[in-house]
């Protein structure tokens, strides 16, 4: 995680649903700290497990694994682990909040196959059934590459994990923080 930029060269840094893909939060945040000018800010939107996540609960672990596999995440961190890594990297945390908590509409609603909407028809149970069979047919006739059906299956599992994680409030894609590099 070495960026090809000199120390103290950026006026601000932001990351939207990106740093959660780093295998080491501390290493990632430390590199951001290195390139950020003193007194400047780093803002990010992270995918995290919430404090409601119970690592001893098998269902919670299943949901977490579905999200990680389907969305290419090495290990979804708890919000508290993100904060610890930020502070360990040298940042002062100015503000942090799970913005999903006060959202008037659940973030996972467009992915919920029990919610019918013409704008998100492809994500409903009927839409997913049609998509699955269309991908299968396209792969069979050679218009889609081999393995497309397998990818479709794990992406659908990821969507199910996201919805369940949202409904159980153990996962959020809306954890926001604003951190500052001291002068």
N, C-alpha and C. Protein backbone atom coordinates (compact mmCIF):
# COMPACT_ATOMS: atom_id res chain seq x y z
N UNK A 1 0.83 -1.20 0.00
CA UNK A 1 0.00 0.00 0.00
C UNK A 1 0.87 1.25 0.00
N UNK A 2 1.77 1.31 -0.92
CA UNK A 2 2.63 2.48 -1.06
C UNK A 2 2.15 3.31 -2.23
N UNK A 3 1.77 4.55 -1.94
CA UNK A 3 1.34 5.46 -3.01
C UNK A 3 2.55 6.20 -3.55
N UNK A 4 2.62 6.42 -4.86
CA UNK A 4 3.78 7.06 -5.46
C UNK A 4 3.73 8.59 -5.36
N UNK A 5 3.52 9.10 -4.15
CA UNK A 5 3.43 10.54 -3.94
C UNK A 5 4.34 10.93 -2.78
N UNK A 6 4.88 12.15 -2.83
CA UNK A 6 5.74 12.59 -1.73
C UNK A 6 4.95 12.82 -0.44
N UNK A 7 5.66 12.80 0.67
CA UNK A 7 5.05 13.09 1.97
C UNK A 7 4.42 14.48 1.95
N UNK A 8 3.35 14.64 2.72
CA UNK A 8 2.72 15.96 2.94
C UNK A 8 2.40 16.69 1.63
N UNK A 9 1.83 15.98 0.66
CA UNK A 9 1.60 16.59 -0.64
C UNK A 9 0.13 16.84 -0.99
N UNK A 10 -0.81 16.33 -0.20
CA UNK A 10 -2.23 16.49 -0.53
C UNK A 10 -2.95 17.41 0.45
N UNK A 11 -3.83 18.25 -0.11
CA UNK A 11 -4.63 19.18 0.70
C UNK A 11 -5.80 18.48 1.38
N UNK A 12 -6.27 17.40 0.82
CA UNK A 12 -7.38 16.63 1.39
C UNK A 12 -7.39 15.25 0.75
N UNK A 13 -7.98 14.30 1.46
CA UNK A 13 -8.13 12.94 0.93
C UNK A 13 -9.54 12.47 1.27
N UNK A 14 -10.17 11.81 0.30
CA UNK A 14 -11.45 11.18 0.59
C UNK A 14 -11.47 9.79 -0.02
N UNK A 15 -12.28 8.93 0.57
CA UNK A 15 -12.44 7.57 0.07
C UNK A 15 -13.90 7.18 0.25
N UNK A 16 -14.50 6.69 -0.82
CA UNK A 16 -15.89 6.27 -0.76
C UNK A 16 -15.95 4.78 -1.06
N UNK A 17 -16.28 4.00 -0.05
CA UNK A 17 -16.41 2.55 -0.17
C UNK A 17 -15.18 1.94 -0.83
N UNK A 18 -14.00 2.42 -0.47
CA UNK A 18 -12.77 1.94 -1.11
C UNK A 18 -11.79 1.35 -0.11
N UNK A 19 -11.52 2.05 0.98
CA UNK A 19 -10.49 1.59 1.91
C UNK A 19 -10.91 0.31 2.63
N UNK A 20 -12.19 -0.03 2.59
CA UNK A 20 -12.65 -1.29 3.19
C UNK A 20 -12.07 -2.49 2.43
N UNK A 21 -11.57 -2.28 1.22
CA UNK A 21 -10.96 -3.35 0.43
C UNK A 21 -9.49 -3.57 0.79
N UNK A 22 -8.92 -2.68 1.57
CA UNK A 22 -7.52 -2.83 1.99
C UNK A 22 -7.43 -3.95 3.03
N UNK A 23 -6.44 -4.83 2.90
CA UNK A 23 -6.32 -5.92 3.86
C UNK A 23 -5.91 -5.46 5.26
N UNK A 24 -5.33 -4.26 5.35
CA UNK A 24 -4.84 -3.74 6.63
C UNK A 24 -5.27 -2.28 6.76
N UNK A 25 -6.26 -2.02 7.62
CA UNK A 25 -6.77 -0.65 7.78
C UNK A 25 -5.68 0.29 8.26
N UNK A 26 -4.92 -0.13 9.26
CA UNK A 26 -3.86 0.72 9.79
C UNK A 26 -2.86 1.09 8.69
N UNK A 27 -2.39 0.11 7.92
CA UNK A 27 -1.44 0.37 6.85
C UNK A 27 -2.00 1.32 5.81
N UNK A 28 -3.26 1.16 5.49
CA UNK A 28 -3.92 2.02 4.51
C UNK A 28 -4.03 3.45 5.05
N UNK A 29 -4.53 3.59 6.27
CA UNK A 29 -4.69 4.92 6.87
C UNK A 29 -3.34 5.59 7.11
N UNK A 30 -2.33 4.81 7.46
CA UNK A 30 -0.98 5.36 7.70
C UNK A 30 -0.42 5.95 6.40
N UNK A 31 -0.68 5.28 5.28
CA UNK A 31 -0.20 5.78 3.99
C UNK A 31 -0.95 7.06 3.60
N UNK A 32 -2.23 7.12 3.90
CA UNK A 32 -3.01 8.34 3.65
C UNK A 32 -2.47 9.46 4.53
N UNK A 33 -2.19 9.14 5.78
CA UNK A 33 -1.62 10.11 6.72
C UNK A 33 -0.30 10.66 6.17
N UNK A 34 0.53 9.80 5.62
CA UNK A 34 1.84 10.19 5.11
C UNK A 34 1.72 11.24 4.01
N UNK A 35 0.79 11.07 3.07
CA UNK A 35 0.70 11.98 1.93
C UNK A 35 -0.13 13.23 2.21
N UNK A 36 -0.88 13.23 3.29
CA UNK A 36 -1.73 14.38 3.64
C UNK A 36 -0.91 15.46 4.33
N UNK A 37 -1.16 16.71 3.95
CA UNK A 37 -0.47 17.84 4.59
C UNK A 37 -0.94 17.98 6.03
N UNK A 38 -0.05 18.44 6.93
CA UNK A 38 -0.45 18.66 8.32
C UNK A 38 -1.62 19.64 8.41
N UNK A 39 -2.55 19.34 9.32
CA UNK A 39 -3.71 20.20 9.54
C UNK A 39 -4.86 19.93 8.58
N UNK A 40 -4.67 19.02 7.64
CA UNK A 40 -5.70 18.77 6.62
C UNK A 40 -6.52 17.52 6.96
N UNK A 41 -7.56 17.28 6.14
CA UNK A 41 -8.59 16.31 6.48
C UNK A 41 -8.66 15.10 5.55
N UNK A 42 -9.10 14.01 6.15
CA UNK A 42 -9.38 12.76 5.46
C UNK A 42 -10.81 12.37 5.81
N UNK A 43 -11.66 12.24 4.80
CA UNK A 43 -13.05 11.84 4.99
C UNK A 43 -13.29 10.53 4.26
N UNK A 44 -14.06 9.65 4.89
CA UNK A 44 -14.32 8.36 4.24
C UNK A 44 -15.69 7.82 4.61
N UNK A 45 -16.18 7.02 3.70
CA UNK A 45 -17.42 6.27 3.83
C UNK A 45 -16.98 4.81 3.80
N UNK A 46 -17.15 4.09 4.88
CA UNK A 46 -16.66 2.71 4.99
C UNK A 46 -17.79 1.69 5.07
N UNK A 47 -17.52 0.50 4.60
CA UNK A 47 -18.39 -0.65 4.84
C UNK A 47 -17.87 -1.29 6.12
N UNK A 48 -18.74 -1.44 7.12
CA UNK A 48 -18.31 -1.97 8.42
C UNK A 48 -19.37 -2.86 9.05
N UNK A 49 -18.91 -3.69 9.97
CA UNK A 49 -19.82 -4.40 10.86
C UNK A 49 -20.08 -3.44 12.01
N UNK A 50 -21.31 -3.44 12.51
CA UNK A 50 -21.67 -2.54 13.61
C UNK A 50 -21.42 -3.22 14.95
N UNK A 51 -21.65 -2.48 16.02
CA UNK A 51 -21.50 -3.05 17.36
C UNK A 51 -22.51 -4.16 17.64
N UNK A 52 -23.58 -4.24 16.85
CA UNK A 52 -24.58 -5.30 17.02
C UNK A 52 -24.08 -6.65 16.49
N UNK A 53 -23.00 -6.64 15.72
CA UNK A 53 -22.44 -7.88 15.19
C UNK A 53 -21.87 -8.71 16.32
N UNK A 54 -22.25 -9.99 16.36
CA UNK A 54 -21.75 -10.92 17.38
C UNK A 54 -20.89 -11.97 16.68
N UNK A 55 -19.58 -11.93 16.87
CA UNK A 55 -18.70 -12.88 16.18
C UNK A 55 -18.95 -14.34 16.58
N UNK A 56 -19.65 -14.57 17.68
CA UNK A 56 -19.96 -15.93 18.12
C UNK A 56 -21.29 -16.44 17.56
N UNK A 57 -22.01 -15.57 16.85
CA UNK A 57 -23.30 -15.94 16.27
C UNK A 57 -23.06 -16.49 14.86
N UNK A 58 -23.38 -17.76 14.64
CA UNK A 58 -23.14 -18.40 13.34
C UNK A 58 -23.86 -17.70 12.20
N UNK A 59 -25.09 -17.23 12.46
CA UNK A 59 -25.85 -16.53 11.41
C UNK A 59 -25.17 -15.22 11.04
N UNK A 60 -24.67 -14.50 12.04
CA UNK A 60 -23.94 -13.26 11.78
C UNK A 60 -22.69 -13.55 10.95
N UNK A 61 -21.98 -14.61 11.30
CA UNK A 61 -20.77 -14.99 10.56
C UNK A 61 -21.10 -15.35 9.10
N UNK A 62 -22.22 -16.03 8.90
CA UNK A 62 -22.66 -16.41 7.54
C UNK A 62 -22.94 -15.17 6.71
N UNK A 63 -23.66 -14.22 7.30
CA UNK A 63 -23.99 -12.97 6.61
C UNK A 63 -22.71 -12.22 6.25
N UNK A 64 -21.81 -12.11 7.19
CA UNK A 64 -20.53 -11.42 6.97
C UNK A 64 -19.75 -12.09 5.83
N UNK A 65 -19.70 -13.41 5.83
CA UNK A 65 -18.97 -14.15 4.79
C UNK A 65 -19.60 -13.93 3.42
N UNK A 66 -20.93 -13.91 3.34
CA UNK A 66 -21.60 -13.68 2.05
C UNK A 66 -21.24 -12.31 1.49
N UNK A 67 -21.20 -11.32 2.36
CA UNK A 67 -20.85 -9.97 1.92
C UNK A 67 -19.39 -9.92 1.47
N UNK A 68 -18.50 -10.49 2.27
CA UNK A 68 -17.07 -10.47 1.94
C UNK A 68 -16.78 -11.17 0.61
N UNK A 69 -17.32 -12.35 0.43
CA UNK A 69 -17.04 -13.11 -0.80
C UNK A 69 -17.63 -12.41 -2.01
N UNK A 70 -18.88 -12.00 -1.90
CA UNK A 70 -19.57 -11.39 -3.04
C UNK A 70 -19.10 -10.00 -3.40
N UNK A 71 -18.49 -9.30 -2.45
CA UNK A 71 -18.08 -7.92 -2.70
C UNK A 71 -16.57 -7.73 -2.66
N UNK A 72 -15.83 -8.83 -2.62
CA UNK A 72 -14.37 -8.76 -2.70
C UNK A 72 -13.72 -8.05 -1.53
N UNK A 73 -14.22 -8.32 -0.32
CA UNK A 73 -13.66 -7.68 0.87
C UNK A 73 -12.80 -8.68 1.64
N UNK A 74 -11.62 -8.27 2.08
CA UNK A 74 -10.75 -9.19 2.80
C UNK A 74 -11.30 -9.56 4.18
N UNK A 75 -11.77 -8.60 4.93
CA UNK A 75 -12.35 -8.81 6.26
C UNK A 75 -13.09 -7.53 6.62
N UNK A 76 -14.38 -7.63 6.81
CA UNK A 76 -15.15 -6.42 7.14
C UNK A 76 -14.87 -6.08 8.60
N UNK A 77 -14.34 -4.89 8.81
CA UNK A 77 -13.97 -4.45 10.15
C UNK A 77 -15.16 -3.88 10.91
N UNK A 78 -15.09 -3.96 12.21
CA UNK A 78 -16.05 -3.27 13.06
C UNK A 78 -15.79 -1.77 12.97
N UNK A 79 -16.80 -0.96 13.18
CA UNK A 79 -16.62 0.50 13.17
C UNK A 79 -15.56 0.90 14.20
N UNK A 80 -15.56 0.23 15.35
CA UNK A 80 -14.58 0.56 16.39
C UNK A 80 -13.15 0.26 15.93
N UNK A 81 -12.98 -0.78 15.11
CA UNK A 81 -11.64 -1.11 14.59
C UNK A 81 -11.16 -0.05 13.59
N UNK A 82 -12.09 0.51 12.82
CA UNK A 82 -11.73 1.61 11.90
C UNK A 82 -11.21 2.80 12.71
N UNK A 83 -11.93 3.14 13.77
CA UNK A 83 -11.52 4.27 14.61
C UNK A 83 -10.16 4.01 15.26
N UNK A 84 -9.97 2.81 15.77
CA UNK A 84 -8.69 2.46 16.38
C UNK A 84 -7.55 2.60 15.37
N UNK A 85 -7.77 2.10 14.16
CA UNK A 85 -6.73 2.17 13.12
C UNK A 85 -6.43 3.61 12.74
N UNK A 86 -7.46 4.45 12.66
CA UNK A 86 -7.26 5.88 12.35
C UNK A 86 -6.38 6.54 13.41
N UNK A 87 -6.72 6.31 14.66
CA UNK A 87 -5.97 6.91 15.77
C UNK A 87 -4.55 6.37 15.83
N UNK A 88 -4.41 5.07 15.60
CA UNK A 88 -3.09 4.44 15.60
C UNK A 88 -2.22 5.02 14.48
N UNK A 89 -2.84 5.37 13.36
CA UNK A 89 -2.11 5.95 12.22
C UNK A 89 -1.72 7.40 12.49
N UNK A 90 -2.29 8.02 13.54
CA UNK A 90 -1.93 9.38 13.91
C UNK A 90 -3.03 10.41 13.73
N UNK A 91 -4.17 10.02 13.18
CA UNK A 91 -5.27 10.96 12.95
C UNK A 91 -6.01 11.32 14.23
N UNK A 92 -6.57 12.54 14.21
CA UNK A 92 -7.54 12.96 15.23
C UNK A 92 -8.90 12.76 14.59
N UNK A 93 -9.80 12.05 15.25
CA UNK A 93 -11.13 11.83 14.70
C UNK A 93 -11.99 13.04 15.07
N UNK A 94 -12.43 13.77 14.05
CA UNK A 94 -13.23 14.98 14.23
C UNK A 94 -14.70 14.61 14.42
N UNK A 95 -15.18 13.70 13.59
CA UNK A 95 -16.59 13.30 13.64
C UNK A 95 -16.73 11.94 13.01
N UNK A 96 -17.62 11.12 13.56
CA UNK A 96 -17.90 9.81 12.99
C UNK A 96 -19.33 9.43 13.31
N UNK A 97 -19.95 8.73 12.37
CA UNK A 97 -21.33 8.31 12.59
C UNK A 97 -21.73 7.28 11.54
N UNK A 98 -22.56 6.33 11.96
CA UNK A 98 -23.19 5.42 11.01
C UNK A 98 -24.41 6.15 10.47
N UNK A 99 -24.32 6.65 9.27
CA UNK A 99 -25.39 7.46 8.69
C UNK A 99 -26.63 6.64 8.35
N UNK A 100 -26.51 5.32 8.37
CA UNK A 100 -27.68 4.46 8.12
C UNK A 100 -28.67 4.53 9.27
N UNK A 101 -28.20 4.83 10.46
CA UNK A 101 -29.05 4.83 11.65
C UNK A 101 -30.22 5.80 11.51
N UNK A 102 -29.99 6.99 11.01
CA UNK A 102 -31.04 8.01 10.90
C UNK A 102 -31.66 8.11 9.51
N UNK A 103 -31.31 7.22 8.62
CA UNK A 103 -31.83 7.29 7.26
C UNK A 103 -33.32 6.96 7.24
N UNK A 104 -34.14 7.81 6.58
CA UNK A 104 -35.58 7.55 6.55
C UNK A 104 -35.94 6.33 5.68
N UNK A 105 -35.06 5.96 4.77
CA UNK A 105 -35.28 4.80 3.91
C UNK A 105 -34.12 3.83 4.12
N UNK A 106 -34.40 2.57 4.40
CA UNK A 106 -33.29 1.61 4.58
C UNK A 106 -32.40 1.55 3.34
N UNK A 107 -31.10 1.59 3.55
CA UNK A 107 -30.15 1.60 2.44
C UNK A 107 -30.26 0.35 1.58
N UNK A 108 -30.69 -0.76 2.18
CA UNK A 108 -30.73 -2.04 1.48
C UNK A 108 -32.02 -2.25 0.70
N UNK A 109 -32.97 -1.34 0.78
CA UNK A 109 -34.28 -1.52 0.15
C UNK A 109 -34.20 -1.87 -1.34
N UNK A 110 -33.36 -1.20 -2.13
CA UNK A 110 -33.29 -1.56 -3.56
C UNK A 110 -32.80 -2.99 -3.81
N UNK A 111 -32.08 -3.58 -2.85
CA UNK A 111 -31.56 -4.95 -3.00
C UNK A 111 -32.52 -6.01 -2.47
N UNK A 112 -33.53 -5.58 -1.72
CA UNK A 112 -34.45 -6.51 -1.05
C UNK A 112 -35.42 -7.10 -2.07
N UNK A 113 -35.30 -8.41 -2.31
CA UNK A 113 -36.13 -9.03 -3.34
C UNK A 113 -37.60 -9.10 -2.95
N UNK A 114 -37.92 -8.86 -1.68
CA UNK A 114 -39.33 -8.86 -1.27
C UNK A 114 -39.98 -7.50 -1.53
N UNK A 115 -39.17 -6.51 -1.87
CA UNK A 115 -39.67 -5.16 -2.16
C UNK A 115 -39.83 -5.02 -3.67
N UNK A 116 -41.07 -4.82 -4.12
CA UNK A 116 -41.30 -4.70 -5.56
C UNK A 116 -41.26 -3.25 -5.99
N UNK A 117 -40.51 -2.99 -7.04
CA UNK A 117 -40.42 -1.66 -7.63
C UNK A 117 -40.08 -1.84 -9.10
N UNK A 118 -40.76 -1.11 -9.96
CA UNK A 118 -40.46 -1.22 -11.39
C UNK A 118 -39.04 -0.75 -11.69
N UNK A 119 -38.56 0.25 -10.93
CA UNK A 119 -37.21 0.76 -11.17
C UNK A 119 -36.13 -0.23 -10.75
N UNK A 120 -36.47 -1.14 -9.85
CA UNK A 120 -35.49 -2.15 -9.44
C UNK A 120 -36.04 -3.56 -9.67
N UNK A 121 -36.78 -3.72 -10.75
CA UNK A 121 -37.40 -5.01 -11.07
C UNK A 121 -36.39 -6.14 -11.11
N UNK A 122 -35.21 -5.88 -11.67
CA UNK A 122 -34.21 -6.94 -11.81
C UNK A 122 -33.76 -7.50 -10.47
N UNK A 123 -34.01 -6.75 -9.38
CA UNK A 123 -33.59 -7.19 -8.05
C UNK A 123 -34.70 -7.90 -7.28
N UNK A 124 -35.91 -7.92 -7.83
CA UNK A 124 -37.01 -8.63 -7.18
C UNK A 124 -36.80 -10.13 -7.39
N UNK A 125 -37.58 -10.95 -6.69
CA UNK A 125 -37.47 -12.40 -6.84
C UNK A 125 -37.69 -12.82 -8.29
N UNK A 126 -38.70 -12.25 -8.94
CA UNK A 126 -38.99 -12.57 -10.35
C UNK A 126 -37.84 -12.08 -11.24
N UNK A 127 -37.38 -10.86 -11.00
CA UNK A 127 -36.28 -10.31 -11.80
C UNK A 127 -35.01 -11.11 -11.66
N UNK A 128 -34.70 -11.55 -10.43
CA UNK A 128 -33.51 -12.37 -10.21
C UNK A 128 -33.64 -13.73 -10.90
N UNK A 129 -34.83 -14.30 -10.85
CA UNK A 129 -35.07 -15.58 -11.52
C UNK A 129 -34.84 -15.44 -13.02
N UNK A 130 -35.39 -14.37 -13.59
CA UNK A 130 -35.23 -14.14 -15.03
C UNK A 130 -33.76 -13.89 -15.39
N UNK A 131 -33.08 -13.09 -14.58
CA UNK A 131 -31.66 -12.80 -14.83
C UNK A 131 -30.83 -14.07 -14.75
N UNK A 132 -31.07 -14.86 -13.72
CA UNK A 132 -30.32 -16.12 -13.54
C UNK A 132 -30.48 -17.02 -14.77
N UNK A 133 -31.69 -17.17 -15.24
CA UNK A 133 -31.94 -18.04 -16.39
C UNK A 133 -31.41 -17.44 -17.69
N UNK A 134 -31.45 -16.13 -17.81
CA UNK A 134 -30.90 -15.47 -19.00
C UNK A 134 -29.38 -15.66 -19.05
N UNK A 135 -28.72 -15.47 -17.92
CA UNK A 135 -27.26 -15.67 -17.86
C UNK A 135 -26.92 -17.12 -18.18
N UNK A 136 -27.71 -18.04 -17.61
CA UNK A 136 -27.48 -19.47 -17.87
C UNK A 136 -27.61 -19.76 -19.37
N UNK A 137 -28.64 -19.22 -20.01
CA UNK A 137 -28.86 -19.44 -21.44
C UNK A 137 -27.73 -18.81 -22.27
N UNK A 138 -27.34 -17.59 -21.92
CA UNK A 138 -26.27 -16.92 -22.65
C UNK A 138 -24.94 -17.67 -22.52
N UNK A 139 -24.69 -18.20 -21.34
CA UNK A 139 -23.47 -18.99 -21.14
C UNK A 139 -23.54 -20.29 -21.95
N UNK A 140 -24.70 -20.92 -21.96
CA UNK A 140 -24.88 -22.18 -22.69
C UNK A 140 -24.62 -22.01 -24.19
N UNK A 141 -25.13 -20.91 -24.77
CA UNK A 141 -24.95 -20.70 -26.22
C UNK A 141 -23.63 -20.02 -26.56
N UNK A 142 -22.84 -19.68 -25.55
CA UNK A 142 -21.52 -19.12 -25.79
C UNK A 142 -21.47 -17.60 -25.92
N UNK A 143 -22.58 -16.92 -25.65
CA UNK A 143 -22.58 -15.45 -25.71
C UNK A 143 -22.09 -14.81 -24.41
N UNK A 144 -22.08 -15.59 -23.35
CA UNK A 144 -21.50 -15.14 -22.07
C UNK A 144 -20.36 -16.10 -21.74
N UNK A 145 -19.28 -15.61 -21.17
CA UNK A 145 -18.14 -16.49 -20.88
C UNK A 145 -18.49 -17.56 -19.85
N UNK A 146 -17.78 -18.68 -19.94
CA UNK A 146 -17.95 -19.75 -18.95
C UNK A 146 -17.67 -19.18 -17.57
N UNK A 147 -18.48 -19.57 -16.61
CA UNK A 147 -18.34 -19.07 -15.25
C UNK A 147 -19.28 -17.92 -14.93
N UNK A 148 -19.96 -17.39 -15.94
CA UNK A 148 -20.88 -16.26 -15.71
C UNK A 148 -21.98 -16.63 -14.73
N UNK A 149 -22.50 -17.86 -14.85
CA UNK A 149 -23.56 -18.30 -13.95
C UNK A 149 -23.05 -18.38 -12.51
N UNK A 150 -21.82 -18.84 -12.35
CA UNK A 150 -21.22 -18.94 -11.01
C UNK A 150 -21.06 -17.55 -10.40
N UNK A 151 -20.62 -16.59 -11.20
CA UNK A 151 -20.48 -15.21 -10.73
C UNK A 151 -21.85 -14.65 -10.35
N UNK A 152 -22.85 -14.90 -11.19
CA UNK A 152 -24.22 -14.46 -10.90
C UNK A 152 -24.69 -15.01 -9.55
N UNK A 153 -24.39 -16.28 -9.28
CA UNK A 153 -24.81 -16.91 -8.03
C UNK A 153 -24.17 -16.25 -6.82
N UNK A 154 -22.85 -16.00 -6.87
CA UNK A 154 -22.24 -15.42 -5.67
C UNK A 154 -22.59 -13.95 -5.51
N UNK A 155 -22.87 -13.24 -6.60
CA UNK A 155 -23.34 -11.86 -6.48
C UNK A 155 -24.73 -11.81 -5.85
N UNK A 156 -25.56 -12.78 -6.21
CA UNK A 156 -26.89 -12.86 -5.60
C UNK A 156 -26.78 -13.18 -4.11
N UNK A 157 -25.87 -14.08 -3.75
CA UNK A 157 -25.63 -14.40 -2.34
C UNK A 157 -25.16 -13.15 -1.59
N UNK A 158 -24.31 -12.37 -2.23
CA UNK A 158 -23.82 -11.14 -1.60
C UNK A 158 -24.98 -10.19 -1.35
N UNK A 159 -25.88 -10.06 -2.32
CA UNK A 159 -27.04 -9.18 -2.15
C UNK A 159 -27.90 -9.66 -0.99
N UNK A 160 -28.08 -10.97 -0.88
CA UNK A 160 -28.86 -11.52 0.24
C UNK A 160 -28.17 -11.22 1.57
N UNK A 161 -26.85 -11.36 1.60
CA UNK A 161 -26.10 -11.03 2.82
C UNK A 161 -26.21 -9.57 3.18
N UNK A 162 -26.13 -8.69 2.18
CA UNK A 162 -26.27 -7.26 2.42
C UNK A 162 -27.64 -6.93 3.02
N UNK A 163 -28.69 -7.50 2.43
CA UNK A 163 -30.05 -7.23 2.93
C UNK A 163 -30.20 -7.75 4.36
N UNK A 164 -29.76 -8.98 4.60
CA UNK A 164 -29.88 -9.55 5.95
C UNK A 164 -29.04 -8.76 6.96
N UNK A 165 -27.83 -8.39 6.55
CA UNK A 165 -26.98 -7.59 7.43
C UNK A 165 -27.60 -6.25 7.75
N UNK A 166 -28.27 -5.65 6.77
CA UNK A 166 -28.97 -4.38 6.99
C UNK A 166 -30.18 -4.54 7.88
N UNK A 167 -30.98 -5.55 7.62
CA UNK A 167 -32.18 -5.78 8.43
C UNK A 167 -31.83 -6.07 9.88
N UNK A 168 -30.77 -6.83 10.10
CA UNK A 168 -30.35 -7.17 11.46
C UNK A 168 -29.50 -6.07 12.10
N UNK A 169 -29.19 -5.04 11.30
CA UNK A 169 -28.39 -3.90 11.75
C UNK A 169 -27.01 -4.31 12.25
N UNK A 170 -26.44 -5.36 11.62
CA UNK A 170 -25.09 -5.79 11.98
C UNK A 170 -24.06 -5.31 10.97
N UNK A 171 -24.53 -4.75 9.85
CA UNK A 171 -23.65 -4.28 8.79
C UNK A 171 -24.14 -2.92 8.30
N UNK A 172 -23.20 -2.04 7.99
CA UNK A 172 -23.54 -0.75 7.40
C UNK A 172 -22.56 -0.41 6.28
N UNK A 173 -23.07 0.07 5.15
CA UNK A 173 -22.19 0.58 4.11
C UNK A 173 -22.06 2.10 4.23
N UNK A 174 -22.58 2.64 5.34
CA UNK A 174 -22.69 4.10 5.48
C UNK A 174 -21.98 4.63 6.73
N UNK A 175 -20.87 3.99 7.11
CA UNK A 175 -20.11 4.50 8.25
C UNK A 175 -19.20 5.62 7.75
N UNK A 176 -19.46 6.82 8.23
CA UNK A 176 -18.72 8.00 7.79
C UNK A 176 -17.80 8.48 8.91
N UNK A 177 -16.61 8.91 8.52
CA UNK A 177 -15.75 9.59 9.49
C UNK A 177 -15.00 10.73 8.82
N UNK A 178 -14.70 11.73 9.63
CA UNK A 178 -13.86 12.85 9.23
C UNK A 178 -12.71 12.88 10.21
N UNK A 179 -11.50 12.77 9.69
CA UNK A 179 -10.31 12.75 10.53
C UNK A 179 -9.35 13.84 10.07
N UNK A 180 -8.52 14.30 11.00
CA UNK A 180 -7.59 15.39 10.71
C UNK A 180 -6.18 14.98 11.08
N UNK A 181 -5.24 15.34 10.20
CA UNK A 181 -3.83 15.14 10.52
C UNK A 181 -3.39 16.34 11.34
N UNK A 182 -2.88 16.12 12.55
CA UNK A 182 -2.47 17.26 13.39
C UNK A 182 -1.41 18.13 12.72
N UNK A 183 -1.38 19.41 13.14
CA UNK A 183 -0.38 20.37 12.61
C UNK A 183 1.02 19.92 12.98
